[in-house]
């Protein structure tokens, strides 16, 4: 398993993306979601959504679908 970055998102959006991908059977992780909460800058630090390299094309296709 090799993780690749799918994209960087605002904190709440990143967790929505993870949930959407997992609902389609693609394992996804949100990294940096809790960075710097103590100093209040969590809204300025993008959260990286990571997926397996084998799933990145399918994940991009899912995110490209209209809501």
PDB file of N, CA and C in Angstrom:
ATOM      1  N   UNK A   1       0.841  -1.170   0.000  1.00  0.00           N
ATOM      2  CA  UNK A   1       0.000   0.000   0.000  1.00  0.00           C
ATOM      3  C   UNK A   1       0.890   1.238   0.000  1.00  0.00           C
ATOM      4  N   UNK A   2       0.595   2.128  -0.916  1.00  0.00           N
ATOM      5  CA  UNK A   2       1.333   3.372  -1.020  1.00  0.00           C
ATOM      6  C   UNK A   2       0.332   4.523  -1.046  1.00  0.00           C
ATOM      7  N   UNK A   3       0.389   5.382  -0.041  1.00  0.00           N
ATOM      8  CA  UNK A   3      -0.551   6.490   0.030  1.00  0.00           C
ATOM      9  C   UNK A   3      -0.090   7.646  -0.843  1.00  0.00           C
ATOM     10  N   UNK A   4      -1.045   8.264  -1.515  1.00  0.00           N
ATOM     11  CA  UNK A   4      -0.778   9.459  -2.297  1.00  0.00           C
ATOM     12  C   UNK A   4      -1.794  10.527  -1.895  1.00  0.00           C
ATOM     13  N   UNK A   5      -1.411  11.757  -2.083  1.00  0.00           N
ATOM     14  CA  UNK A   5      -2.293  12.865  -1.732  1.00  0.00           C
ATOM     15  C   UNK A   5      -3.322  13.071  -2.836  1.00  0.00           C
ATOM     16  N   UNK A   6      -4.578  12.981  -2.471  1.00  0.00           N
ATOM     17  CA  UNK A   6      -5.664  13.229  -3.404  1.00  0.00           C
ATOM     18  C   UNK A   6      -5.902  14.724  -3.548  1.00  0.00           C
ATOM     19  N   UNK A   7      -5.768  15.441  -2.448  1.00  0.00           N
ATOM     20  CA  UNK A   7      -5.967  16.880  -2.481  1.00  0.00           C
ATOM     21  C   UNK A   7      -5.892  17.471  -1.100  1.00  0.00           C
ATOM     22  N   UNK A   8      -5.966  18.800  -1.055  1.00  0.00           N
ATOM     23  CA  UNK A   8      -5.964  19.538   0.214  1.00  0.00           C
ATOM     24  C   UNK A   8      -7.272  20.302   0.292  1.00  0.00           C
ATOM     25  N   UNK A   9      -7.899  20.220   1.442  1.00  0.00           N
ATOM     26  CA  UNK A   9      -9.237  20.762   1.613  1.00  0.00           C
ATOM     27  C   UNK A   9      -9.336  21.503   2.937  1.00  0.00           C
ATOM     28  N   UNK A  10     -10.352  22.342   3.048  1.00  0.00           N
ATOM     29  CA  UNK A  10     -10.684  22.926   4.341  1.00  0.00           C
ATOM     30  C   UNK A  10     -11.033  21.771   5.279  1.00  0.00           C
ATOM     31  N   UNK A  11     -10.847  21.984   6.568  1.00  0.00           N
ATOM     32  CA  UNK A  11     -10.987  20.898   7.550  1.00  0.00           C
ATOM     33  C   UNK A  11     -12.302  20.130   7.413  1.00  0.00           C
ATOM     34  N   UNK A  12     -13.430  20.807   7.458  1.00  0.00           N
ATOM     35  CA  UNK A  12     -14.718  20.120   7.387  1.00  0.00           C
ATOM     36  C   UNK A  12     -14.924  19.445   6.036  1.00  0.00           C
ATOM     37  N   UNK A  13     -14.514  20.108   4.970  1.00  0.00           N
ATOM     38  CA  UNK A  13     -14.657  19.535   3.634  1.00  0.00           C
ATOM     39  C   UNK A  13     -13.842  18.247   3.508  1.00  0.00           C
ATOM     40  N   UNK A  14     -12.662  18.217   4.106  1.00  0.00           N
ATOM     41  CA  UNK A  14     -11.810  17.028   4.034  1.00  0.00           C
ATOM     42  C   UNK A  14     -12.514  15.814   4.632  1.00  0.00           C
ATOM     43  N   UNK A  15     -13.183  16.016   5.773  1.00  0.00           N
ATOM     44  CA  UNK A  15     -13.868  14.892   6.403  1.00  0.00           C
ATOM     45  C   UNK A  15     -15.101  14.467   5.608  1.00  0.00           C
ATOM     46  N   UNK A  16     -15.718  15.390   4.912  1.00  0.00           N
ATOM     47  CA  UNK A  16     -16.824  15.033   4.015  1.00  0.00           C
ATOM     48  C   UNK A  16     -16.294  14.205   2.857  1.00  0.00           C
ATOM     49  N   UNK A  17     -15.157  14.598   2.295  1.00  0.00           N
ATOM     50  CA  UNK A  17     -14.533  13.853   1.191  1.00  0.00           C
ATOM     51  C   UNK A  17     -14.182  12.440   1.646  1.00  0.00           C
ATOM     52  N   UNK A  18     -13.584  12.318   2.825  1.00  0.00           N
ATOM     53  CA  UNK A  18     -13.234  10.992   3.348  1.00  0.00           C
ATOM     54  C   UNK A  18     -14.483  10.125   3.469  1.00  0.00           C
ATOM     55  N   UNK A  19     -15.535  10.674   4.030  1.00  0.00           N
ATOM     56  CA  UNK A  19     -16.779   9.917   4.174  1.00  0.00           C
ATOM     57  C   UNK A  19     -17.365   9.509   2.832  1.00  0.00           C
ATOM     58  N   UNK A  20     -17.323  10.407   1.868  1.00  0.00           N
ATOM     59  CA  UNK A  20     -17.848  10.101   0.527  1.00  0.00           C
ATOM     60  C   UNK A  20     -17.063   8.960  -0.105  1.00  0.00           C
ATOM     61  N   UNK A  21     -15.750   9.032  -0.018  1.00  0.00           N
ATOM     62  CA  UNK A  21     -14.916   7.976  -0.609  1.00  0.00           C
ATOM     63  C   UNK A  21     -15.127   6.649   0.101  1.00  0.00           C
ATOM     64  N   UNK A  22     -15.186   6.672   1.416  1.00  0.00           N
ATOM     65  CA  UNK A  22     -15.386   5.433   2.161  1.00  0.00           C
ATOM     66  C   UNK A  22     -16.750   4.824   1.864  1.00  0.00           C
ATOM     67  N   UNK A  23     -17.750   5.652   1.575  1.00  0.00           N
ATOM     68  CA  UNK A  23     -19.068   5.117   1.219  1.00  0.00           C
ATOM     69  C   UNK A  23     -19.040   4.394  -0.119  1.00  0.00           C
ATOM     70  N   UNK A  24     -18.008   4.676  -0.914  1.00  0.00           N
ATOM     71  CA  UNK A  24     -17.830   4.005  -2.206  1.00  0.00           C
ATOM     72  C   UNK A  24     -16.797   2.880  -2.127  1.00  0.00           C
ATOM     73  N   UNK A  25     -16.343   2.569  -0.912  1.00  0.00           N
ATOM     74  CA  UNK A  25     -15.404   1.467  -0.728  1.00  0.00           C
ATOM     75  C   UNK A  25     -13.944   1.832  -0.895  1.00  0.00           C
ATOM     76  N   UNK A  26     -13.627   3.116  -0.927  1.00  0.00           N
ATOM     77  CA  UNK A  26     -12.237   3.554  -1.058  1.00  0.00           C
ATOM     78  C   UNK A  26     -11.767   4.052   0.303  1.00  0.00           C
ATOM     79  N   UNK A  27     -10.723   3.413   0.834  1.00  0.00           N
ATOM     80  CA  UNK A  27     -10.163   3.839   2.106  1.00  0.00           C
ATOM     81  C   UNK A  27      -9.474   5.187   1.929  1.00  0.00           C
ATOM     82  N   UNK A  28      -9.772   6.119   2.809  1.00  0.00           N
ATOM     83  CA  UNK A  28      -9.174   7.447   2.739  1.00  0.00           C
ATOM     84  C   UNK A  28      -8.827   7.919   4.141  1.00  0.00           C
ATOM     85  N   UNK A  29      -7.794   8.737   4.224  1.00  0.00           N
ATOM     86  CA  UNK A  29      -7.351   9.284   5.503  1.00  0.00           C
ATOM     87  C   UNK A  29      -7.254  10.794   5.397  1.00  0.00           C
ATOM     88  N   UNK A  30      -7.627  11.471   6.465  1.00  0.00           N
ATOM     89  CA  UNK A  30      -7.441  12.916   6.550  1.00  0.00           C
ATOM     90  C   UNK A  30      -6.248  13.168   7.466  1.00  0.00           C
ATOM     91  N   UNK A  31      -5.223  13.806   6.937  1.00  0.00           N
ATOM     92  CA  UNK A  31      -4.026  14.109   7.720  1.00  0.00           C
ATOM     93  C   UNK A  31      -3.962  15.598   8.001  1.00  0.00           C
ATOM     94  N   UNK A  32      -3.464  15.955   9.134  1.00  0.00           N
ATOM     95  CA  UNK A  32      -3.294  17.335   9.586  1.00  0.00           C
ATOM     96  C   UNK A  32      -4.593  17.972  10.046  1.00  0.00           C
ATOM     97  N   UNK A  33      -5.636  17.199  10.244  1.00  0.00           N
ATOM     98  CA  UNK A  33      -6.920  17.747  10.647  1.00  0.00           C
ATOM     99  C   UNK A  33      -6.921  18.379  12.016  1.00  0.00           C
ATOM    100  N   UNK A  34      -6.001  17.979  12.870  1.00  0.00           N
ATOM    101  CA  UNK A  34      -5.959  18.537  14.221  1.00  0.00           C
ATOM    102  C   UNK A  34      -4.733  19.418  14.434  1.00  0.00           C
ATOM    103  N   UNK A  35      -4.100  19.821  13.360  1.00  0.00           N
ATOM    104  CA  UNK A  35      -2.894  20.631  13.483  1.00  0.00           C
ATOM    105  C   UNK A  35      -3.217  22.009  14.051  1.00  0.00           C
ATOM    106  N   UNK A  36      -2.486  22.396  15.012  1.00  0.00           N
ATOM    107  CA  UNK A  36      -2.517  23.736  15.592  1.00  0.00           C
ATOM    108  C   UNK A  36      -3.872  24.180  16.133  1.00  0.00           C
ATOM    109  N   UNK A  37      -4.670  23.250  16.618  1.00  0.00           N
ATOM    110  CA  UNK A  37      -5.956  23.642  17.198  1.00  0.00           C
ATOM    111  C   UNK A  37      -5.731  24.528  18.421  1.00  0.00           C
ATOM    112  N   UNK A  38      -4.669  24.273  19.165  1.00  0.00           N
ATOM    113  CA  UNK A  38      -4.428  25.023  20.396  1.00  0.00           C
ATOM    114  C   UNK A  38      -4.246  26.512  20.139  1.00  0.00           C
ATOM    115  N   UNK A  39      -3.639  26.874  19.016  1.00  0.00           N
ATOM    116  CA  UNK A  39      -3.418  28.301  18.774  1.00  0.00           C
ATOM    117  C   UNK A  39      -4.464  28.913  17.843  1.00  0.00           C
ATOM    118  N   UNK A  40      -5.485  28.146  17.476  1.00  0.00           N
ATOM    119  CA  UNK A  40      -6.588  28.689  16.692  1.00  0.00           C
ATOM    120  C   UNK A  40      -6.361  28.783  15.199  1.00  0.00           C
ATOM    121  N   UNK A  41      -5.284  28.207  14.693  1.00  0.00           N
ATOM    122  CA  UNK A  41      -5.004  28.330  13.253  1.00  0.00           C
ATOM    123  C   UNK A  41      -5.454  27.121  12.447  1.00  0.00           C
ATOM    124  N   UNK A  42      -6.281  26.252  13.021  1.00  0.00           N
ATOM    125  CA  UNK A  42      -6.696  25.054  12.311  1.00  0.00           C
ATOM    126  C   UNK A  42      -7.475  25.375  11.039  1.00  0.00           C
ATOM    127  N   UNK A  43      -8.084  26.534  10.959  1.00  0.00           N
ATOM    128  CA  UNK A  43      -8.860  26.887   9.774  1.00  0.00           C
ATOM    129  C   UNK A  43      -7.982  27.384   8.634  1.00  0.00           C
ATOM    130  N   UNK A  44      -6.715  27.647   8.921  1.00  0.00           N
ATOM    131  CA  UNK A  44      -5.801  28.147   7.906  1.00  0.00           C
ATOM    132  C   UNK A  44      -4.892  27.056   7.351  1.00  0.00           C
ATOM    133  N   UNK A  45      -4.864  25.918   7.996  1.00  0.00           N
ATOM    134  CA  UNK A  45      -4.005  24.816   7.563  1.00  0.00           C
ATOM    135  C   UNK A  45      -4.850  23.818   6.789  1.00  0.00           C
ATOM    136  N   UNK A  46      -4.556  23.611   5.501  1.00  0.00           N
ATOM    137  CA  UNK A  46      -5.356  22.658   4.741  1.00  0.00           C
ATOM    138  C   UNK A  46      -5.125  21.229   5.225  1.00  0.00           C
ATOM    139  N   UNK A  47      -6.163  20.429   5.111  1.00  0.00           N
ATOM    140  CA  UNK A  47      -6.101  19.028   5.512  1.00  0.00           C
ATOM    141  C   UNK A  47      -5.864  18.194   4.262  1.00  0.00           C
ATOM    142  N   UNK A  48      -4.864  17.328   4.325  1.00  0.00           N
ATOM    143  CA  UNK A  48      -4.546  16.467   3.191  1.00  0.00           C
ATOM    144  C   UNK A  48      -5.409  15.214   3.245  1.00  0.00           C
ATOM    145  N   UNK A  49      -6.041  14.888   2.134  1.00  0.00           N
ATOM    146  CA  UNK A  49      -6.783  13.632   2.023  1.00  0.00           C
ATOM    147  C   UNK A  49      -5.907  12.677   1.222  1.00  0.00           C
ATOM    148  N   UNK A  50      -5.642  11.530   1.833  1.00  0.00           N
ATOM    149  CA  UNK A  50      -4.747  10.528   1.251  1.00  0.00           C
ATOM    150  C   UNK A  50      -5.535   9.275   0.888  1.00  0.00           C
ATOM    151  N   UNK A  51      -5.179   8.673  -0.240  1.00  0.00           N
ATOM    152  CA  UNK A  51      -5.769   7.405  -0.678  1.00  0.00           C
ATOM    153  C   UNK A  51      -4.655   6.504  -1.183  1.00  0.00           C
ATOM    154  N   UNK A  52      -4.960   5.242  -1.324  1.00  0.00           N
ATOM    155  CA  UNK A  52      -4.003   4.300  -1.891  1.00  0.00           C
ATOM    156  C   UNK A  52      -3.734   4.689  -3.344  1.00  0.00           C
ATOM    157  N   UNK A  53      -2.514   4.524  -3.777  1.00  0.00           N
ATOM    158  CA  UNK A  53      -2.137   4.881  -5.155  1.00  0.00           C
ATOM    159  C   UNK A  53      -3.003   4.153  -6.177  1.00  0.00           C
ATOM    160  N   UNK A  54      -3.413   2.928  -5.867  1.00  0.00           N
ATOM    161  CA  UNK A  54      -4.247   2.167  -6.800  1.00  0.00           C
ATOM    162  C   UNK A  54      -5.666   2.721  -6.902  1.00  0.00           C
ATOM    163  N   UNK A  55      -6.086   3.518  -5.932  1.00  0.00           N
ATOM    164  CA  UNK A  55      -7.453   4.046  -5.896  1.00  0.00           C
ATOM    165  C   UNK A  55      -7.562   5.503  -6.308  1.00  0.00           C
ATOM    166  N   UNK A  56      -6.449   6.154  -6.593  1.00  0.00           N
ATOM    167  CA  UNK A  56      -6.482   7.598  -6.816  1.00  0.00           C
ATOM    168  C   UNK A  56      -7.336   7.989  -8.025  1.00  0.00           C
ATOM    169  N   UNK A  57      -7.278   7.241  -9.110  1.00  0.00           N
ATOM    170  CA  UNK A  57      -8.086   7.584 -10.284  1.00  0.00           C
ATOM    171  C   UNK A  57      -9.575   7.430 -10.007  1.00  0.00           C
ATOM    172  N   UNK A  58      -9.938   6.357  -9.317  1.00  0.00           N
ATOM    173  CA  UNK A  58     -11.347   6.147  -8.963  1.00  0.00           C
ATOM    174  C   UNK A  58     -11.818   7.225  -7.994  1.00  0.00           C
ATOM    175  N   UNK A  59     -10.969   7.613  -7.058  1.00  0.00           N
ATOM    176  CA  UNK A  59     -11.331   8.651  -6.095  1.00  0.00           C
ATOM    177  C   UNK A  59     -11.543   9.982  -6.795  1.00  0.00           C
ATOM    178  N   UNK A  60     -10.679  10.314  -7.728  1.00  0.00           N
ATOM    179  CA  UNK A  60     -10.844  11.566  -8.480  1.00  0.00           C
ATOM    180  C   UNK A  60     -12.134  11.555  -9.286  1.00  0.00           C
ATOM    181  N   UNK A  61     -12.454  10.412  -9.863  1.00  0.00           N
ATOM    182  CA  UNK A  61     -13.698  10.300 -10.636  1.00  0.00           C
ATOM    183  C   UNK A  61     -14.923  10.498  -9.739  1.00  0.00           C
ATOM    184  N   UNK A  62     -14.880   9.958  -8.546  1.00  0.00           N
ATOM    185  CA  UNK A  62     -16.000  10.123  -7.606  1.00  0.00           C
ATOM    186  C   UNK A  62     -16.165  11.589  -7.233  1.00  0.00           C
ATOM    187  N   UNK A  63     -15.057  12.261  -6.963  1.00  0.00           N
ATOM    188  CA  UNK A  63     -15.137  13.661  -6.573  1.00  0.00           C
ATOM    189  C   UNK A  63     -15.536  14.570  -7.729  1.00  0.00           C
ATOM    190  N   UNK A  64     -15.322  14.113  -8.943  1.00  0.00           N
ATOM    191  CA  UNK A  64     -15.699  14.905 -10.124  1.00  0.00           C
ATOM    192  C   UNK A  64     -17.182  14.804 -10.447  1.00  0.00           C
ATOM    193  N   UNK A  65     -17.860  13.798  -9.874  1.00  0.00           N
ATOM    194  CA  UNK A  65     -19.290  13.638 -10.120  1.00  0.00           C
ATOM    195  C   UNK A  65     -20.047  14.820  -9.551  1.00  0.00           C
ATOM    196  N   UNK A  66     -21.105  15.249 -10.217  1.00  0.00           N
ATOM    197  CA  UNK A  66     -21.905  16.340  -9.667  1.00  0.00           C
ATOM    198  C   UNK A  66     -22.586  15.922  -8.369  1.00  0.00           C
ATOM    199  N   UNK A  67     -22.722  16.869  -7.482  1.00  0.00           N
ATOM    200  CA  UNK A  67     -23.324  16.560  -6.168  1.00  0.00           C
ATOM    201  C   UNK A  67     -24.805  16.346  -6.258  1.00  0.00           C
TER     202      UNK A  67
END
